[in-house]
Amino acid sequence: MKLSKILAAAERPLISCEFFPPKTDKGEENLWQCLKELQAINPAYISVTYGAGGTTQDRTKGIVTRIKQETGLSPVAHLTCVGASKDELAALLADYRAAGIENILALRGDAPEGMDRFEAVAGGFSHATDLIAFLREQGDFSIACATYPEGHPESKGGVEDDIRYLKLKQDNGADAAVTQYFFDNDAFFRFRDACTAAGVTLPIIPGIMPVGNFDQIVRFSSMCGATIPDWLRARMEPIREDLDAVKALGIELAAKQCRELLTAGVPGLHFYTLNKSEATIAIHNQLTDLL
């Protein structure tokens, strides 16, 4: 089902999950086991990323196609501007259309490994806004986009730039936005209010990253611009070597964060699963009164 219809028909907040394409067959086996386990919480849709720099495109296509063919879940294929011309993107979209894939999450994407900044290929796109406009011309896809409540790490204008670009993404055809993960709900609420004031009306779905390995989250956050609040450091640093304790605390804190977001009326929660199911299921099970 199209993401736009899923969101429009929802009477309760939705749960969705994100996966990355594994680089090995064993990793892909683990992914399918994780997907099987997550079906118990009935996610509204499953998104599948590209690898860093636009790699793993074939695995992304294979996974979303198999999700469509073999499960009752609605897949969302990530699509980036990295390393692809308009003609190559059109060919990929034709494959998706033929396979019955109806949902695309459109991103600019990160610079390929070894490059210090993003550069469009000849005949390609430099911005997600342009990719979204192109997608809208290519067929009847439902289009999601990304947004950054604390500002994109490359942005010189901070959060104000993200609000302006999100409005442009909406105007160019995006149906919904999924945020970068964050730990400070107040930052999200300020962002959401400012978006509303700027004329953004599409659903903004918070991205949730349960902490399972604090050192890993510190590394991820330094790359994506997510802020790690002092209170989170104070809770995590004393136990950072005890992964079981970190996971348990991560679930506790994420469940608390999600409860506050749901109480404040968000349309859903998008979990960055890192291809694992345990934390997402545990958090969901603490929120069933709100879902």
Protein backbone atom coordinates (compact mmCIF):
# COMPACT_ATOMS: atom_id res chain seq x y z
CA MET A 1 0.00 0.00 0.00
CA LYS A 2 1.14 3.55 -0.65
CA LEU A 3 2.61 5.41 2.29
CA SER A 4 0.28 8.36 1.68
CA LYS A 5 -2.75 6.06 2.00
CA ILE A 6 -1.31 4.27 5.04
CA LEU A 7 -0.90 7.58 6.86
CA ALA A 8 -4.26 8.97 5.75
CA ALA A 9 -6.12 5.85 6.88
CA ALA A 10 -4.37 5.49 10.23
CA GLU A 11 -6.59 5.88 13.28
CA ARG A 12 -3.70 5.37 15.69
CA PRO A 13 0.00 6.28 15.53
CA LEU A 14 2.03 3.96 13.33
CA ILE A 15 5.23 2.02 13.92
CA SER A 16 7.75 1.69 11.08
CA CYS A 17 11.23 0.21 10.89
CA GLU A 18 14.38 0.84 8.89
CA PHE A 19 16.95 -1.71 7.73
CA PHE A 20 20.21 -1.53 5.83
CA PRO A 21 21.17 -4.07 3.15
CA PRO A 22 23.74 -6.50 4.58
CA LYS A 23 26.95 -7.04 2.63
CA THR A 24 26.95 -10.81 3.13
CA ASP A 25 24.51 -13.67 2.61
CA LYS A 26 24.70 -14.48 6.32
CA GLY A 27 23.80 -10.90 7.16
CA GLU A 28 20.84 -11.12 4.82
CA GLU A 29 19.67 -14.32 6.55
CA ASN A 30 19.76 -12.43 9.84
CA LEU A 31 17.78 -9.58 8.31
CA TRP A 32 14.98 -11.90 7.21
CA GLN A 33 14.86 -13.46 10.66
CA CYS A 34 14.62 -9.99 12.17
CA LEU A 35 11.81 -9.07 9.77
CA LYS A 36 9.97 -12.24 10.70
CA GLU A 37 10.22 -11.36 14.39
CA LEU A 38 9.06 -7.79 13.80
CA GLN A 39 5.91 -8.93 12.04
CA ALA A 40 4.57 -9.61 15.54
CA ILE A 41 4.22 -5.84 16.09
CA ASN A 42 2.73 -5.24 12.62
CA PRO A 43 4.87 -2.35 11.36
CA ALA A 44 3.04 -0.06 8.94
CA TYR A 45 5.98 -0.07 6.53
CA ILE A 46 9.61 -1.16 6.24
CA SER A 47 12.25 1.10 4.71
CA VAL A 48 15.51 -0.19 3.25
CA THR A 49 18.52 2.08 2.86
CA TYR A 50 21.33 2.31 0.38
CA GLY A 51 24.77 1.65 1.77
CA ALA A 52 27.18 4.52 2.39
CA GLY A 53 27.79 6.56 -0.74
CA GLY A 54 24.96 4.89 -2.65
CA THR A 55 26.41 1.38 -2.59
CA THR A 56 24.37 -1.86 -2.24
CA GLN A 57 21.74 -0.64 -4.70
CA ASP A 58 21.19 -4.15 -6.05
CA ARG A 59 20.74 -5.57 -2.55
CA THR A 60 18.32 -2.76 -1.69
CA LYS A 61 16.26 -3.55 -4.78
CA GLY A 62 16.33 -7.26 -4.05
CA ILE A 63 15.26 -6.84 -0.45
CA VAL A 64 12.37 -4.44 -1.08
CA THR A 65 11.15 -6.60 -3.97
CA ARG A 66 11.22 -9.72 -1.79
CA ILE A 67 9.42 -7.90 1.03
CA LYS A 68 6.72 -6.99 -1.47
CA GLN A 69 6.46 -10.51 -2.88
CA GLU A 70 6.78 -12.64 0.26
CA THR A 71 5.40 -10.68 3.22
CA GLY A 72 2.34 -8.65 4.02
CA LEU A 73 4.52 -5.62 4.78
CA SER A 74 4.71 -2.41 2.73
CA PRO A 75 8.30 -1.68 1.61
CA VAL A 76 9.82 1.77 1.13
CA ALA A 77 12.94 1.85 -1.05
CA HIS A 78 15.55 4.52 -0.32
CA LEU A 79 16.77 6.35 -3.41
CA THR A 80 19.66 8.83 -3.49
CA CYS A 81 21.29 11.21 -5.93
CA VAL A 82 24.67 9.53 -5.44
CA GLY A 83 26.38 8.20 -8.56
CA ALA A 84 23.31 8.04 -10.79
CA SER A 85 22.14 10.06 -13.78
CA LYS A 86 18.49 10.82 -14.52
CA ASP A 87 18.40 7.99 -17.06
CA GLU A 88 19.82 5.49 -14.57
CA LEU A 89 17.35 6.60 -11.92
CA ALA A 90 14.49 6.33 -14.40
CA ALA A 91 15.55 2.76 -15.25
CA LEU A 92 15.64 1.81 -11.56
CA LEU A 93 12.22 3.35 -11.00
CA ALA A 94 10.87 1.38 -13.95
CA ASP A 95 12.12 -1.80 -12.27
CA TYR A 96 10.45 -0.79 -9.02
CA ARG A 97 7.20 0.03 -10.81
CA ALA A 98 7.23 -3.37 -12.54
CA ALA A 99 7.81 -5.09 -9.19
CA GLY A 100 4.86 -3.27 -7.60
CA ILE A 101 7.00 -1.07 -5.34
CA GLU A 102 4.93 2.04 -4.61
CA ASN A 103 6.97 3.91 -2.00
CA ILE A 104 10.29 5.77 -2.28
CA LEU A 105 12.25 7.64 0.38
CA ALA A 106 14.19 10.29 -1.54
CA LEU A 107 17.53 11.55 -0.21
CA ARG A 108 20.49 13.42 -1.57
CA GLY A 109 22.80 10.85 0.03
CA ASP A 110 26.30 11.11 1.45
CA ALA A 111 29.47 11.64 -0.53
CA PRO A 112 31.04 8.36 -1.70
CA GLU A 113 33.94 7.04 0.33
CA GLY A 114 37.12 8.97 -0.38
CA MET A 115 35.32 12.21 -1.30
CA ASP A 116 35.08 15.08 1.18
CA ARG A 117 31.94 16.58 -0.33
CA PHE A 118 28.97 15.56 -2.44
CA GLU A 119 29.17 16.09 -6.20
CA ALA A 120 26.46 15.17 -8.66
CA VAL A 121 27.40 12.98 -11.60
CA ALA A 122 26.82 14.25 -15.12
CA GLY A 123 23.09 14.27 -15.77
CA GLY A 124 22.30 13.69 -12.10
CA PHE A 125 20.90 15.69 -9.20
CA SER A 126 22.59 17.73 -6.49
CA HIS A 127 19.66 18.03 -4.08
CA ALA A 128 16.90 15.85 -2.67
CA THR A 129 14.40 18.56 -3.61
CA ASP A 130 15.22 18.04 -7.29
CA LEU A 131 15.10 14.26 -6.94
CA ILE A 132 11.62 14.52 -5.39
CA ALA A 133 10.37 16.65 -8.28
CA PHE A 134 11.81 14.11 -10.73
CA LEU A 135 10.13 11.23 -8.86
CA ARG A 136 6.80 12.97 -9.02
CA GLU A 137 7.16 13.12 -12.82
CA GLN A 138 8.15 9.45 -13.13
CA GLY A 139 5.03 7.71 -11.98
CA ASP A 140 2.50 7.30 -9.24
CA PHE A 141 4.91 6.72 -6.35
CA SER A 142 4.30 7.83 -2.79
CA ILE A 143 7.36 9.84 -1.76
CA ALA A 144 8.87 10.26 1.69
CA CYS A 145 11.77 12.55 2.49
CA ALA A 146 14.24 13.13 5.30
CA THR A 147 14.45 16.08 7.66
CA TYR A 148 16.75 17.13 10.50
CA PRO A 149 15.20 18.64 13.66
CA GLU A 150 18.66 19.72 14.86
CA GLY A 151 19.86 20.83 11.42
CA HIS A 152 21.68 18.92 8.67
CA PRO A 153 25.39 18.51 9.55
CA GLU A 154 26.39 20.32 6.34
CA SER A 155 23.91 23.16 6.73
CA LYS A 156 25.28 26.66 7.27
CA GLY A 157 21.86 28.02 8.16
CA GLY A 158 21.00 25.49 10.86
CA VAL A 159 17.46 24.39 11.57
CA GLU A 160 15.99 27.30 9.59
CA ASP A 161 17.53 25.84 6.43
CA ASP A 162 15.96 22.46 7.14
CA ILE A 163 12.54 24.01 7.59
CA ARG A 164 12.88 25.89 4.30
CA TYR A 165 14.03 22.77 2.45
CA LEU A 166 11.31 20.63 4.01
CA LYS A 167 8.69 23.08 2.73
CA LEU A 168 10.29 22.87 -0.73
CA LYS A 169 10.30 19.06 -0.58
CA GLN A 170 6.60 19.18 0.27
CA ASP A 171 5.91 21.60 -2.58
CA ASN A 172 7.83 19.35 -4.99
CA GLY A 173 5.73 16.31 -4.11
CA ALA A 174 6.81 14.68 -0.84
CA ASP A 175 3.97 13.02 1.07
CA ALA A 176 5.68 12.58 4.45
CA ALA A 177 8.96 13.26 6.25
CA VAL A 178 11.02 11.02 8.52
CA THR A 179 13.44 12.73 10.86
CA GLN A 180 17.02 11.99 11.72
CA TYR A 181 17.11 10.38 15.14
CA PHE A 182 17.29 12.67 18.16
CA PHE A 183 17.25 12.34 21.94
CA ASP A 184 15.93 15.78 22.89
CA ASN A 185 12.17 15.86 22.40
CA ASP A 186 12.03 19.59 23.08
CA ALA A 187 14.23 20.16 20.01
CA PHE A 188 11.76 18.13 17.94
CA PHE A 189 8.75 20.01 19.30
CA ARG A 190 10.36 23.37 18.52
CA PHE A 191 11.15 22.14 15.02
CA ARG A 192 7.63 20.81 14.46
CA ASP A 193 6.05 24.08 15.61
CA ALA A 194 8.34 26.11 13.36
CA CYS A 195 7.53 23.86 10.42
CA THR A 196 3.82 24.38 10.98
CA ALA A 197 4.34 28.14 11.11
CA ALA A 198 6.25 27.93 7.80
CA GLY A 199 3.36 26.14 6.04
CA VAL A 200 4.59 22.54 6.32
CA THR A 201 1.53 20.31 6.51
CA LEU A 202 2.89 16.86 5.65
CA PRO A 203 3.24 14.29 8.47
CA ILE A 204 6.59 14.54 10.27
CA ILE A 205 7.51 11.15 11.73
CA PRO A 206 10.16 11.13 14.48
CA GLY A 207 13.14 8.84 13.97
CA ILE A 208 14.05 6.78 17.04
CA MET A 209 17.45 5.19 17.72
CA PRO A 210 17.45 3.03 20.86
CA VAL A 211 20.97 3.05 22.32
CA GLY A 212 22.43 -0.45 22.27
CA ASN A 213 26.11 0.49 22.11
CA PHE A 214 26.98 3.93 23.43
CA ASP A 215 30.34 4.22 21.67
CA GLN A 216 28.62 3.38 18.38
CA ILE A 217 25.97 6.05 18.97
CA VAL A 218 28.64 8.65 19.75
CA ARG A 219 30.32 7.79 16.44
CA PHE A 220 27.07 7.86 14.45
CA SER A 221 26.00 11.14 16.02
CA SER A 222 29.28 12.86 15.19
CA MET A 223 28.62 12.08 11.51
CA CYS A 224 24.90 12.88 11.28
CA GLY A 225 24.67 15.92 13.52
CA ALA A 226 22.50 14.39 16.25
CA THR A 227 23.13 15.89 19.69
CA ILE A 228 23.84 13.62 22.64
CA PRO A 229 22.43 15.50 25.65
CA ASP A 230 24.50 15.76 28.84
CA TRP A 231 21.89 13.79 30.77
CA LEU A 232 22.23 10.88 28.34
CA ARG A 233 26.02 10.89 28.61
CA ALA A 234 25.75 10.95 32.38
CA ARG A 235 23.52 7.86 32.36
CA MET A 236 25.43 5.91 29.70
CA GLU A 237 29.13 6.61 30.30
CA PRO A 238 29.40 4.79 33.65
CA ILE A 239 28.04 1.59 32.07
CA ARG A 240 29.37 1.93 28.50
CA GLU A 241 31.46 -1.26 28.79
CA ASP A 242 28.48 -3.34 29.96
CA LEU A 243 26.52 -3.84 26.74
CA ASP A 244 23.64 -5.64 28.43
CA ALA A 245 23.19 -2.74 30.84
CA VAL A 246 23.46 -0.24 27.98
CA LYS A 247 20.79 -2.09 25.98
CA ALA A 248 18.44 -2.27 28.96
CA LEU A 249 18.85 1.43 29.71
CA GLY A 250 18.56 2.27 26.02
CA ILE A 251 15.19 0.52 25.84
CA GLU A 252 14.00 2.24 29.02
CA LEU A 253 14.97 5.71 27.80
CA ALA A 254 13.65 5.19 24.27
CA ALA A 255 10.30 3.95 25.61
CA LYS A 256 10.06 7.09 27.77
CA GLN A 257 10.96 9.28 24.79
CA CYS A 258 8.40 7.55 22.56
CA ARG A 259 5.64 7.84 25.16
CA GLU A 260 6.18 11.59 25.37
CA LEU A 261 6.17 11.92 21.58
CA LEU A 262 3.01 9.86 21.19
CA THR A 263 1.25 11.82 23.92
CA ALA A 264 2.16 14.98 21.99
CA GLY A 265 0.37 13.69 18.90
CA VAL A 266 3.06 12.48 16.49
CA PRO A 267 1.69 10.44 13.57
CA GLY A 268 4.06 7.54 14.20
CA LEU A 269 7.52 6.40 15.24
CA HIS A 270 10.24 5.29 12.84
CA PHE A 271 12.78 2.92 14.42
CA TYR A 272 16.35 2.72 13.16
CA THR A 273 16.75 -0.97 13.94
CA LEU A 274 20.36 -1.59 12.84
CA ASN A 275 18.92 -4.90 11.58
CA LYS A 276 17.95 -6.07 15.06
CA SER A 277 14.47 -6.61 16.45
CA GLU A 278 14.82 -6.93 20.22
CA ALA A 279 14.81 -3.25 21.22
CA THR A 280 12.01 -2.21 18.84
CA ILE A 281 9.74 -5.02 20.03
CA ALA A 282 10.48 -4.31 23.69
CA ILE A 283 9.73 -0.60 23.27
CA HIS A 284 6.56 -1.28 21.29
CA ASN A 285 5.32 -3.60 24.03
CA GLN A 286 5.62 -0.77 26.56
CA LEU A 287 3.51 1.54 24.39
CA THR A 288 0.55 -0.64 23.41
CA ASP A 289 -1.90 1.62 25.28
CA LEU A 290 -0.97 4.46 22.89
CA LEU A 291 -0.70 2.45 19.63
